[in-house]
N, C-alpha and C. Protein backbone atom coordinates (compact mmCIF):
# COMPACT_ATOMS: atom_id res chain seq x y z
N MET A 1 18.92 -77.48 79.41
CA MET A 1 19.46 -77.63 78.45
C MET A 1 18.42 -78.01 77.56
N TYR A 2 17.58 -77.55 76.40
CA TYR A 2 16.42 -77.93 75.58
C TYR A 2 16.75 -78.76 74.49
N ILE A 3 16.56 -79.57 74.45
CA ILE A 3 17.03 -80.85 73.24
C ILE A 3 16.11 -80.34 71.99
N ILE A 4 16.31 -79.85 70.92
CA ILE A 4 15.24 -79.85 69.87
C ILE A 4 16.13 -80.56 68.44
N ALA A 5 15.01 -81.62 67.96
CA ALA A 5 15.49 -82.43 67.37
C ALA A 5 14.56 -82.27 66.09
N GLY A 6 14.95 -81.86 65.02
CA GLY A 6 13.86 -82.12 63.37
C GLY A 6 14.38 -83.40 63.16
N LEU A 7 13.36 -84.20 62.35
CA LEU A 7 13.94 -85.48 61.90
C LEU A 7 14.00 -85.34 60.38
N GLY A 8 15.01 -86.12 59.43
CA GLY A 8 15.03 -86.35 58.58
C GLY A 8 16.00 -87.45 58.09
N ASN A 9 16.22 -87.13 56.23
CA ASN A 9 17.25 -88.28 56.10
C ASN A 9 18.45 -87.47 55.64
N PRO A 10 19.74 -88.10 55.97
CA PRO A 10 20.54 -87.16 55.68
C PRO A 10 21.08 -87.52 53.87
N GLY A 11 21.67 -86.95 53.41
CA GLY A 11 22.33 -87.09 51.91
C GLY A 11 21.39 -85.89 50.96
N LYS A 12 21.76 -85.58 49.82
CA LYS A 12 21.90 -84.26 48.87
C LYS A 12 20.28 -85.08 48.37
N GLN A 13 20.18 -86.24 48.09
CA GLN A 13 18.85 -87.03 47.47
C GLN A 13 17.73 -86.72 48.10
N TYR A 14 18.09 -86.30 49.66
CA TYR A 14 16.81 -85.86 50.32
C TYR A 14 16.41 -84.98 50.60
N GLU A 15 17.50 -83.92 50.23
CA GLU A 15 16.93 -82.50 50.34
C GLU A 15 15.73 -82.00 49.72
N GLY A 16 14.79 -81.16 50.49
CA GLY A 16 13.42 -80.47 50.03
C GLY A 16 12.45 -81.47 50.10
N THR A 17 12.74 -82.99 50.48
CA THR A 17 11.67 -83.60 50.50
C THR A 17 10.80 -83.31 51.49
N ARG A 18 9.24 -83.82 51.81
CA ARG A 18 8.53 -83.80 52.61
C ARG A 18 9.26 -84.28 54.17
N HIS A 19 9.45 -85.62 53.89
CA HIS A 19 10.42 -86.25 55.21
C HIS A 19 11.54 -85.42 55.76
N ASN A 20 11.50 -84.32 55.10
CA ASN A 20 12.96 -83.66 55.12
C ASN A 20 12.67 -82.47 56.25
N ILE A 21 11.65 -82.07 56.46
CA ILE A 21 10.94 -80.52 57.01
C ILE A 21 11.45 -80.53 58.38
N GLY A 22 11.65 -81.44 59.08
CA GLY A 22 12.00 -81.50 60.51
C GLY A 22 13.42 -80.72 60.16
N PHE A 23 14.36 -81.25 58.94
CA PHE A 23 15.48 -80.56 58.94
C PHE A 23 15.59 -79.61 58.27
N ALA A 24 14.41 -78.61 57.60
CA ALA A 24 14.71 -77.63 57.31
C ALA A 24 14.15 -76.57 58.49
N VAL A 25 13.16 -77.09 59.65
CA VAL A 25 13.16 -76.40 60.39
C VAL A 25 14.12 -75.76 61.26
N ILE A 26 15.07 -76.88 61.45
CA ILE A 26 16.08 -77.10 62.28
C ILE A 26 17.07 -75.85 61.75
N ASP A 27 17.31 -75.74 60.48
CA ASP A 27 18.15 -75.11 59.67
C ASP A 27 17.60 -73.64 59.67
N GLU A 28 16.31 -73.68 59.90
CA GLU A 28 16.08 -72.06 60.25
C GLU A 28 16.16 -71.90 60.89
N LEU A 29 15.84 -72.55 62.44
CA LEU A 29 16.42 -72.45 63.96
C LEU A 29 17.80 -71.49 63.56
N ALA A 30 18.76 -72.35 63.31
CA ALA A 30 19.55 -72.01 63.22
C ALA A 30 20.29 -70.49 62.89
N ASP A 31 19.58 -70.55 61.60
CA ASP A 31 20.03 -69.42 61.06
C ASP A 31 19.04 -67.79 62.04
N ALA A 32 18.36 -68.42 61.96
CA ALA A 32 17.81 -67.09 62.88
C ALA A 32 18.02 -66.62 64.19
N TYR A 33 18.62 -67.66 65.30
CA TYR A 33 19.56 -67.67 66.36
C TYR A 33 20.79 -67.77 66.26
N ASN A 34 21.35 -67.58 64.96
CA ASN A 34 22.84 -67.60 65.15
C ASN A 34 23.19 -68.95 65.72
N ILE A 35 23.00 -70.17 65.18
CA ILE A 35 23.51 -71.06 65.73
C ILE A 35 24.14 -72.07 65.08
N ASN A 36 25.63 -72.28 65.82
CA ASN A 36 26.35 -73.01 64.21
C ASN A 36 26.51 -74.48 64.34
N MET A 37 26.03 -75.10 63.22
CA MET A 37 25.21 -76.58 63.09
C MET A 37 26.88 -77.34 62.55
N ASP A 38 27.63 -77.21 63.38
CA ASP A 38 29.13 -77.57 63.25
C ASP A 38 30.25 -78.76 64.17
N MET A 39 28.55 -79.42 64.67
CA MET A 39 29.64 -80.21 65.63
C MET A 39 28.63 -81.80 64.68
N ALA A 40 29.77 -83.02 64.67
CA ALA A 40 29.20 -84.28 63.85
C ALA A 40 29.43 -84.97 65.00
N LYS A 41 28.38 -85.44 65.79
CA LYS A 41 28.43 -86.14 67.11
C LYS A 41 27.49 -87.03 67.34
N HIS A 42 27.34 -87.94 68.18
CA HIS A 42 25.81 -88.55 68.86
C HIS A 42 25.15 -89.13 67.57
N LYS A 43 25.59 -89.49 66.21
CA LYS A 43 25.15 -89.74 65.47
C LYS A 43 24.17 -88.66 64.60
N GLY A 44 24.55 -87.70 64.55
CA GLY A 44 24.08 -86.49 64.29
C GLY A 44 24.72 -85.38 63.85
N ILE A 45 23.70 -84.23 63.39
CA ILE A 45 24.67 -82.82 63.22
C ILE A 45 24.16 -82.06 64.22
N CYS A 46 24.89 -81.26 65.24
CA CYS A 46 24.64 -80.68 66.25
C CYS A 46 24.90 -79.67 66.14
N GLY A 47 24.38 -78.40 67.01
CA GLY A 47 25.00 -76.90 67.32
C GLY A 47 24.11 -76.59 68.18
N LYS A 48 24.85 -76.05 69.76
CA LYS A 48 24.52 -75.37 70.30
C LYS A 48 24.37 -73.71 70.36
N GLY A 49 23.76 -73.23 71.32
CA GLY A 49 23.33 -71.87 71.44
C GLY A 49 22.27 -71.63 72.14
N MET A 50 21.52 -70.31 72.19
CA MET A 50 20.69 -69.85 73.19
C MET A 50 19.22 -69.42 71.70
N ILE A 51 18.17 -69.36 72.32
CA ILE A 51 17.13 -69.34 71.99
C ILE A 51 16.10 -68.30 73.08
N GLY A 52 16.24 -67.72 72.52
CA GLY A 52 15.87 -66.45 73.82
C GLY A 52 16.23 -66.52 75.20
N SER A 53 16.16 -66.42 76.34
CA SER A 53 17.49 -67.39 77.63
C SER A 53 17.25 -68.53 77.48
N ASN A 54 17.06 -68.99 76.78
CA ASN A 54 17.13 -70.70 76.66
C ASN A 54 18.03 -71.11 76.29
N LYS A 55 18.95 -72.38 76.63
CA LYS A 55 19.74 -72.88 75.95
C LYS A 55 19.33 -74.26 75.62
N VAL A 56 20.47 -73.94 74.07
CA VAL A 56 19.18 -75.37 73.44
C VAL A 56 20.72 -76.30 72.66
N LEU A 57 20.12 -77.48 72.39
CA LEU A 57 21.18 -77.98 71.23
C LEU A 57 20.16 -78.25 70.35
N LEU A 58 20.36 -77.83 69.21
CA LEU A 58 19.76 -78.38 68.10
C LEU A 58 20.32 -79.51 67.59
N VAL A 59 19.41 -80.22 66.79
CA VAL A 59 19.95 -82.13 66.43
C VAL A 59 19.24 -82.44 64.71
N LYS A 60 19.88 -82.78 64.11
CA LYS A 60 19.33 -83.28 63.10
C LYS A 60 20.12 -84.88 63.15
N PRO A 61 19.12 -85.93 63.35
CA PRO A 61 19.75 -87.16 63.78
C PRO A 61 20.28 -87.54 61.81
N GLN A 62 20.96 -88.28 61.71
CA GLN A 62 22.26 -89.10 60.30
C GLN A 62 22.32 -90.58 60.24
N THR A 63 21.05 -90.27 61.31
CA THR A 63 20.76 -92.36 61.12
C THR A 63 19.86 -92.69 60.34
N PHE A 64 19.08 -91.81 59.33
CA PHE A 64 18.01 -92.03 58.42
C PHE A 64 16.34 -92.03 59.24
N MET A 65 15.89 -91.87 58.98
CA MET A 65 14.38 -91.17 59.37
C MET A 65 14.27 -92.60 60.70
N ASN A 66 14.02 -94.04 60.08
CA ASN A 66 13.47 -94.93 60.84
C ASN A 66 14.36 -95.41 62.14
N ASN A 67 15.54 -94.60 62.30
CA ASN A 67 16.19 -95.11 63.50
C ASN A 67 16.75 -93.76 64.29
N SER A 68 15.89 -92.72 64.19
CA SER A 68 15.84 -91.45 64.54
C SER A 68 16.52 -91.74 66.09
N GLY A 69 15.82 -92.71 66.77
CA GLY A 69 15.74 -92.81 68.36
C GLY A 69 16.99 -92.82 68.71
N GLU A 70 18.47 -93.69 67.51
CA GLU A 70 19.77 -93.94 68.06
C GLU A 70 19.86 -92.80 68.72
N CYS A 71 19.96 -91.52 67.89
CA CYS A 71 20.61 -90.62 67.91
C CYS A 71 20.36 -89.59 69.12
N LEU A 72 18.94 -89.72 69.53
CA LEU A 72 18.15 -88.67 70.55
C LEU A 72 18.83 -89.77 71.92
N ARG A 73 19.04 -90.94 71.92
CA ARG A 73 19.40 -91.73 73.41
C ARG A 73 20.34 -91.26 73.33
N GLU A 74 21.76 -91.35 72.48
CA GLU A 74 22.73 -90.94 72.69
C GLU A 74 23.38 -89.58 73.16
N VAL A 75 22.05 -88.49 72.54
CA VAL A 75 22.26 -86.84 73.22
C VAL A 75 21.83 -86.96 74.48
N LEU A 76 20.75 -87.76 74.66
CA LEU A 76 20.28 -87.61 76.57
C LEU A 76 21.19 -87.99 77.26
N ASP A 77 21.93 -89.58 76.73
CA ASP A 77 22.76 -90.35 77.69
C ASP A 77 24.07 -89.04 78.11
N TYR A 78 24.50 -88.52 77.22
CA TYR A 78 25.67 -87.85 77.00
C TYR A 78 25.34 -86.45 77.80
N TYR A 79 24.43 -85.51 77.54
CA TYR A 79 24.14 -84.62 78.30
C TYR A 79 23.31 -84.86 79.08
N LYS A 80 22.97 -85.98 80.21
CA LYS A 80 22.38 -86.33 81.08
C LYS A 80 20.91 -85.10 80.99
N GLU A 81 20.31 -85.06 80.09
CA GLU A 81 18.89 -84.29 80.05
C GLU A 81 17.90 -85.18 79.99
N ASP A 82 16.85 -84.87 80.36
CA ASP A 82 15.41 -85.80 80.59
C ASP A 82 14.47 -85.67 79.25
N VAL A 83 13.74 -86.63 79.67
CA VAL A 83 12.48 -86.63 78.10
C VAL A 83 11.64 -85.33 78.13
N ASP A 84 11.85 -84.68 79.23
CA ASP A 84 11.10 -83.41 79.40
C ASP A 84 11.43 -82.54 78.62
N ASN A 85 12.26 -82.14 78.36
CA ASN A 85 13.77 -81.15 77.76
C ASN A 85 13.65 -81.53 76.39
N VAL A 86 12.85 -82.67 75.62
CA VAL A 86 12.95 -82.59 74.36
C VAL A 86 11.94 -81.98 73.49
N LEU A 87 12.01 -81.68 72.45
CA LEU A 87 11.01 -81.36 71.35
C LEU A 87 11.57 -81.82 70.34
N VAL A 88 10.63 -82.65 69.38
CA VAL A 88 10.87 -83.13 68.22
C VAL A 88 10.03 -82.06 67.08
N ILE A 89 10.15 -82.46 65.90
CA ILE A 89 9.70 -81.39 64.55
C ILE A 89 9.94 -82.51 63.61
N TYR A 90 8.57 -82.83 63.03
CA TYR A 90 8.47 -83.87 61.76
C TYR A 90 7.43 -83.79 60.90
N ASP A 91 7.93 -84.66 60.06
CA ASP A 91 6.24 -84.23 58.77
C ASP A 91 5.09 -84.70 59.30
N ASP A 92 3.66 -84.33 59.05
CA ASP A 92 2.83 -84.92 59.09
C ASP A 92 2.02 -85.08 58.12
N ILE A 93 1.18 -86.31 57.30
CA ILE A 93 0.47 -86.26 56.02
C ILE A 93 -0.69 -86.30 56.40
N CYS A 94 -1.24 -86.25 57.54
CA CYS A 94 -2.70 -85.82 58.10
C CYS A 94 -3.16 -84.62 58.60
N LEU A 95 -1.88 -83.26 58.02
CA LEU A 95 -2.03 -81.93 58.32
C LEU A 95 -1.90 -81.38 56.91
N ASP A 96 -2.91 -80.28 56.36
CA ASP A 96 -2.56 -79.80 54.89
C ASP A 96 -0.97 -78.88 54.98
N VAL A 97 -0.32 -78.76 54.09
CA VAL A 97 1.20 -78.20 53.40
C VAL A 97 0.94 -76.91 54.79
N GLY A 98 1.84 -76.81 55.17
CA GLY A 98 2.01 -76.00 56.33
C GLY A 98 1.35 -75.56 57.93
N ARG A 99 0.65 -76.44 57.85
CA ARG A 99 -0.41 -76.42 59.10
C ARG A 99 0.69 -76.88 60.17
N LEU A 100 0.53 -76.42 61.77
CA LEU A 100 1.40 -76.82 62.38
C LEU A 100 0.52 -77.44 63.67
N ARG A 101 0.72 -78.34 64.46
CA ARG A 101 0.03 -78.90 65.65
C ARG A 101 1.29 -79.50 66.29
N LEU A 102 0.78 -78.23 67.80
CA LEU A 102 1.65 -78.93 68.83
C LEU A 102 1.23 -79.84 69.72
N ARG A 103 1.81 -80.76 70.21
CA ARG A 103 1.55 -81.90 71.24
C ARG A 103 2.58 -82.01 72.83
N PRO A 104 2.21 -82.05 73.50
CA PRO A 104 3.12 -82.33 74.69
C PRO A 104 3.69 -83.66 75.02
N LYS A 105 3.13 -84.57 74.09
CA LYS A 105 3.62 -86.30 73.92
C LYS A 105 2.61 -86.43 73.13
N GLY A 106 2.59 -88.38 73.02
CA GLY A 106 1.61 -88.95 71.98
C GLY A 106 2.11 -90.21 71.35
N SER A 107 1.15 -91.19 70.97
CA SER A 107 1.66 -92.42 70.09
C SER A 107 2.41 -91.53 68.85
N ALA A 108 2.65 -92.40 68.00
CA ALA A 108 3.63 -92.50 66.72
C ALA A 108 2.95 -92.17 65.62
N GLY A 109 1.52 -92.67 66.14
CA GLY A 109 1.08 -91.94 64.88
C GLY A 109 1.24 -92.90 63.14
N GLY A 110 1.96 -94.04 63.66
CA GLY A 110 2.16 -94.53 62.23
C GLY A 110 3.42 -94.01 61.54
N HIS A 111 4.07 -92.67 62.47
CA HIS A 111 5.40 -92.22 61.86
C HIS A 111 6.56 -92.94 62.44
N ASN A 112 7.33 -93.70 61.27
CA ASN A 112 8.29 -94.44 61.88
C ASN A 112 9.40 -93.73 62.66
N GLY A 113 9.94 -92.67 62.15
CA GLY A 113 10.86 -91.83 63.02
C GLY A 113 10.47 -91.80 64.74
N ILE A 114 9.14 -91.44 65.00
CA ILE A 114 8.50 -91.45 65.99
C ILE A 114 8.68 -92.65 66.82
N LYS A 115 8.47 -93.57 65.92
CA LYS A 115 8.75 -95.26 66.71
C LYS A 115 9.81 -95.06 67.05
N SER A 116 10.57 -94.85 66.52
CA SER A 116 12.33 -95.46 66.58
C SER A 116 12.53 -94.25 67.98
N ILE A 117 12.35 -92.91 68.16
CA ILE A 117 12.69 -92.34 69.27
C ILE A 117 11.56 -93.14 70.62
N ILE A 118 10.36 -93.36 70.43
CA ILE A 118 9.64 -93.68 71.76
C ILE A 118 10.20 -95.19 72.10
N ALA A 119 10.71 -95.90 71.04
CA ALA A 119 11.78 -97.18 71.87
C ALA A 119 12.68 -96.61 72.45
N HIS A 120 13.68 -96.17 71.55
CA HIS A 120 15.18 -95.83 72.63
C HIS A 120 14.87 -94.93 73.47
N LEU A 121 13.95 -93.96 73.72
CA LEU A 121 13.93 -93.45 74.62
C LEU A 121 13.07 -94.10 76.13
N GLY A 122 12.10 -94.77 75.39
CA GLY A 122 11.47 -95.72 76.13
C GLY A 122 10.18 -94.54 77.05
N SER A 123 9.74 -93.63 76.43
CA SER A 123 8.45 -92.54 76.31
C SER A 123 7.86 -92.11 75.40
N ASP A 124 6.75 -91.74 75.68
CA ASP A 124 6.27 -91.05 74.42
C ASP A 124 6.18 -89.38 75.08
N LYS A 125 6.76 -89.32 76.47
CA LYS A 125 6.16 -88.12 76.72
C LYS A 125 7.52 -86.95 76.57
N PHE A 126 7.62 -86.75 75.30
CA PHE A 126 8.48 -85.61 74.85
C PHE A 126 7.53 -84.57 73.86
N LYS A 127 8.10 -83.32 73.63
CA LYS A 127 7.23 -82.24 73.16
C LYS A 127 7.08 -82.65 71.51
N ARG A 128 6.28 -82.31 71.16
CA ARG A 128 6.85 -82.29 69.54
C ARG A 128 6.10 -81.08 68.52
N ILE A 129 6.37 -80.67 67.28
CA ILE A 129 5.54 -80.26 66.54
C ILE A 129 5.89 -81.00 65.18
N LYS A 130 4.39 -81.02 64.77
CA LYS A 130 4.06 -81.53 64.00
C LYS A 130 3.92 -81.03 62.64
N PHE A 131 4.39 -81.19 61.42
CA PHE A 131 4.34 -80.17 60.49
C PHE A 131 3.99 -80.42 59.19
N GLY A 132 2.24 -79.77 58.76
CA GLY A 132 1.52 -80.55 57.75
C GLY A 132 2.85 -80.49 56.42
N VAL A 133 2.38 -81.83 55.98
CA VAL A 133 3.06 -81.62 54.25
C VAL A 133 1.96 -82.28 53.54
N GLY A 134 0.93 -82.43 53.91
CA GLY A 134 -0.18 -83.07 53.02
C GLY A 134 -0.41 -84.40 52.91
N ASP A 135 -1.62 -85.05 52.38
CA ASP A 135 -1.94 -86.49 52.77
C ASP A 135 -1.31 -86.88 51.27
N LYS A 136 -1.09 -88.03 51.12
CA LYS A 136 -0.94 -88.55 49.41
C LYS A 136 -1.84 -88.76 48.94
N PRO A 137 -2.07 -88.50 47.34
CA PRO A 137 -3.36 -88.87 46.74
C PRO A 137 -3.45 -90.05 46.20
N LYS A 138 -4.43 -90.12 45.85
CA LYS A 138 -4.94 -91.83 45.82
C LYS A 138 -4.07 -92.45 44.85
N ASN A 139 -3.62 -94.06 45.31
CA ASN A 139 -2.75 -94.61 44.28
C ASN A 139 -1.61 -94.38 44.62
N TRP A 140 -1.30 -93.13 45.37
CA TRP A 140 -0.05 -93.28 45.82
C TRP A 140 0.84 -93.85 46.73
N ASP A 141 1.96 -94.61 46.41
CA ASP A 141 2.79 -95.03 47.43
C ASP A 141 2.92 -94.43 48.29
N LEU A 142 3.29 -94.17 49.39
CA LEU A 142 3.37 -93.47 50.77
C LEU A 142 4.87 -93.07 51.11
N ALA A 143 5.56 -94.05 50.56
CA ALA A 143 7.09 -93.88 50.80
C ALA A 143 7.31 -92.89 49.64
N ASP A 144 7.17 -93.13 48.18
CA ASP A 144 6.92 -91.97 47.66
C ASP A 144 6.77 -90.38 47.15
N TRP A 145 5.64 -90.87 48.28
CA TRP A 145 5.12 -88.96 48.49
C TRP A 145 6.04 -88.82 49.68
N VAL A 146 5.89 -89.30 50.67
CA VAL A 146 7.37 -88.60 51.77
C VAL A 146 8.34 -88.38 51.46
N LEU A 147 9.00 -89.28 50.45
CA LEU A 147 10.42 -88.88 49.58
C LEU A 147 10.16 -88.06 48.42
N GLY A 148 9.04 -87.62 48.34
CA GLY A 148 9.07 -86.58 47.38
C GLY A 148 9.43 -85.03 47.61
N LYS A 149 9.31 -84.36 46.48
CA LYS A 149 9.65 -83.15 46.79
C LYS A 149 8.47 -82.27 46.93
N PHE A 150 8.67 -80.70 47.69
CA PHE A 150 7.29 -80.18 47.57
C PHE A 150 7.60 -79.42 45.64
N PRO A 151 6.14 -78.74 45.23
CA PRO A 151 5.97 -78.55 44.14
C PRO A 151 6.44 -76.96 44.37
N THR A 152 6.49 -76.34 43.13
CA THR A 152 7.22 -74.71 43.64
C THR A 152 5.93 -74.19 43.95
N ASP A 153 5.11 -74.55 43.47
CA ASP A 153 3.95 -73.68 44.03
C ASP A 153 3.29 -73.54 45.78
N GLU A 154 4.24 -74.58 46.23
CA GLU A 154 4.02 -74.56 48.24
C GLU A 154 5.14 -73.75 48.71
N TYR A 155 5.93 -73.58 47.24
CA TYR A 155 7.39 -72.84 48.40
C TYR A 155 7.29 -71.71 49.43
N ALA A 156 6.28 -70.57 48.79
CA ALA A 156 6.28 -69.29 49.91
C ALA A 156 5.08 -69.73 50.99
N THR A 157 4.07 -71.27 50.98
CA THR A 157 3.52 -71.25 52.00
C THR A 157 4.30 -71.94 52.57
N LEU A 158 5.49 -73.00 52.34
CA LEU A 158 6.31 -73.31 53.38
C LEU A 158 7.28 -72.54 54.13
N ARG A 159 7.82 -71.51 53.54
CA ARG A 159 8.53 -70.00 54.15
C ARG A 159 7.99 -69.80 55.48
N GLU A 160 6.52 -69.21 55.22
CA GLU A 160 5.93 -68.56 56.09
C GLU A 160 5.87 -69.83 57.10
N ALA A 161 5.50 -70.99 56.92
CA ALA A 161 5.23 -72.05 57.62
C ALA A 161 6.37 -72.59 58.92
N ASN A 162 7.73 -72.31 58.00
CA ASN A 162 9.05 -72.73 58.67
C ASN A 162 9.37 -71.39 59.37
N LYS A 163 8.79 -69.98 59.53
CA LYS A 163 9.13 -69.17 60.30
C LYS A 163 7.94 -69.25 61.62
N LYS A 164 6.65 -69.73 61.51
CA LYS A 164 5.88 -69.71 62.05
C LYS A 164 6.65 -71.10 63.04
N ALA A 165 7.10 -72.28 62.76
CA ALA A 165 7.34 -73.12 63.40
C ALA A 165 8.57 -72.16 64.37
N CYS A 166 9.27 -72.06 63.82
CA CYS A 166 10.45 -71.00 64.88
C CYS A 166 9.93 -70.32 65.91
N GLU A 167 9.01 -69.72 65.58
CA GLU A 167 8.14 -68.94 66.24
C GLU A 167 7.33 -69.82 67.53
N ALA A 168 7.04 -71.12 67.05
CA ALA A 168 6.02 -71.97 68.20
C ALA A 168 7.29 -72.80 68.84
N VAL A 169 8.75 -72.91 68.23
CA VAL A 169 9.56 -73.28 69.37
C VAL A 169 10.17 -72.34 70.33
N GLU A 170 10.33 -70.99 70.08
CA GLU A 170 10.65 -70.10 70.86
C GLU A 170 9.18 -69.85 71.89
N CYS A 171 8.08 -70.31 71.56
CA CYS A 171 7.17 -69.84 72.49
C CYS A 171 7.28 -70.87 73.58
N ILE A 172 7.51 -72.44 72.88
CA ILE A 172 6.71 -73.91 73.52
C ILE A 172 8.40 -73.30 74.98
N LEU A 173 9.58 -72.88 74.25
CA LEU A 173 10.48 -72.80 75.50
C LEU A 173 10.31 -71.76 76.44
N THR A 174 9.92 -70.52 75.95
CA THR A 174 9.67 -69.50 76.86
C THR A 174 8.22 -69.30 77.96
N ASP A 175 7.18 -69.97 77.04
CA ASP A 175 6.01 -69.63 77.77
C ASP A 175 5.23 -71.14 78.44
N GLY A 176 5.86 -72.17 77.35
CA GLY A 176 5.43 -73.48 77.56
C GLY A 176 4.73 -74.06 76.56
N ILE A 177 4.35 -75.54 76.55
CA ILE A 177 3.52 -75.95 75.78
C ILE A 177 2.14 -75.63 74.98
N GLU A 178 1.30 -75.67 76.28
CA GLU A 178 0.08 -75.03 76.81
C GLU A 178 -0.09 -74.41 75.95
N SER A 179 0.83 -72.99 76.34
CA SER A 179 0.72 -71.64 75.39
C SER A 179 1.05 -71.72 74.10
N GLY A 180 1.56 -72.29 73.63
CA GLY A 180 2.21 -72.84 72.19
C GLY A 180 0.68 -73.44 71.54
N MET A 181 0.18 -74.75 72.02
CA MET A 181 -0.77 -74.90 71.51
C MET A 181 -2.02 -74.09 71.45
N ASN A 182 -2.34 -73.71 72.13
CA ASN A 182 -3.33 -72.37 72.04
C ASN A 182 -3.24 -71.36 70.75
N LYS A 183 -1.55 -71.07 70.82
CA LYS A 183 -1.43 -70.03 69.58
C LYS A 183 -0.92 -70.30 68.32
N TYR A 184 -0.65 -71.69 68.08
CA TYR A 184 -0.89 -72.17 66.77
C TYR A 184 -1.21 -73.46 66.23
N ASN A 185 -2.12 -74.33 66.92
CA ASN A 185 -2.77 -75.44 66.87
C ASN A 185 -4.04 -74.63 66.29
N GLY A 186 -4.59 -75.33 65.06
CA GLY A 186 -5.27 -74.68 64.47
C GLY A 186 -5.64 -73.35 63.48
N CYS A 187 -4.76 -72.66 63.68
CA CYS A 187 -4.19 -71.73 62.34
C CYS A 187 -4.58 -71.97 61.28
N LEU A 188 -5.44 -71.04 61.04
CA LEU A 188 -5.94 -71.04 59.47
C LEU A 188 -4.77 -70.37 58.54
N LEU A 189 -3.71 -70.15 59.18
CA LEU A 189 -2.92 -68.71 58.44
C LEU A 189 -2.66 -68.88 56.69
N TYR A 190 -2.69 -70.87 56.44
CA TYR A 190 -2.00 -71.17 54.94
C TYR A 190 -3.25 -71.61 54.20
N THR A 191 -3.66 -72.33 55.01
CA THR A 191 -4.65 -73.30 54.30
C THR A 191 -6.09 -73.61 55.12
N SER A 192 -7.23 -73.82 54.48
CA SER A 192 -8.23 -74.37 54.76
C SER A 192 -7.92 -76.07 55.74
N PRO A 193 -8.05 -76.64 57.42
CA PRO A 193 -8.44 -77.72 57.20
C PRO A 193 -8.69 -78.66 56.74
N SER A 194 -7.96 -80.13 56.28
CA SER A 194 -8.95 -81.13 55.59
C SER A 194 -9.82 -81.66 56.49
N PRO A 195 -10.88 -82.65 55.96
CA PRO A 195 -11.84 -83.22 56.87
C PRO A 195 -10.95 -83.78 57.96
N ARG A 196 -9.77 -84.74 57.20
CA ARG A 196 -9.02 -85.42 58.11
C ARG A 196 -8.26 -84.44 59.31
N ASP A 197 -8.02 -83.66 59.46
CA ASP A 197 -7.63 -82.76 60.56
C ASP A 197 -8.79 -82.24 61.38
N ALA A 198 -9.95 -82.19 61.54
CA ALA A 198 -11.13 -82.40 62.05
C ALA A 198 -11.13 -82.31 63.47
């Protein structure tokens, strides 16, 4: 079974924020594949179902972003799954809004949610989909930026990107991470790449 976790913060006040884009993709997956997110356990909100021919557990950790690893550790221990079957979806300020970047493993890159997962799983060898939310403007505080909401003129881009993220998930599960990277990394469907994304 694949464990697919989207990162974010629980609570109404965080809905629609940049930091909660992982939650948004999980919600999109749940809708697309008729998966009920009806289990409150393992310090998260979870739902079991199928994506294609693959059994999956969708997870939205409820530990707040900086402690996301607590939830994932409990999930893996309970289901006796290996880190190889973990896919994490989260926000990335180094990518333009709506751009995706798939990776088979890697460092946290300064993302506290990923830092927590690496610490609790004892490995950085889990698959991930980075979802671009745009870099913070000059003189902005990083926390204010990632906890801020997307402007309405970015909604159309986000809707399309959410759909693409769901397609990328199914591609990874069906054809493997390398195939997903070849298909979805560097896609210019939404916006031109920023110099930082080169």
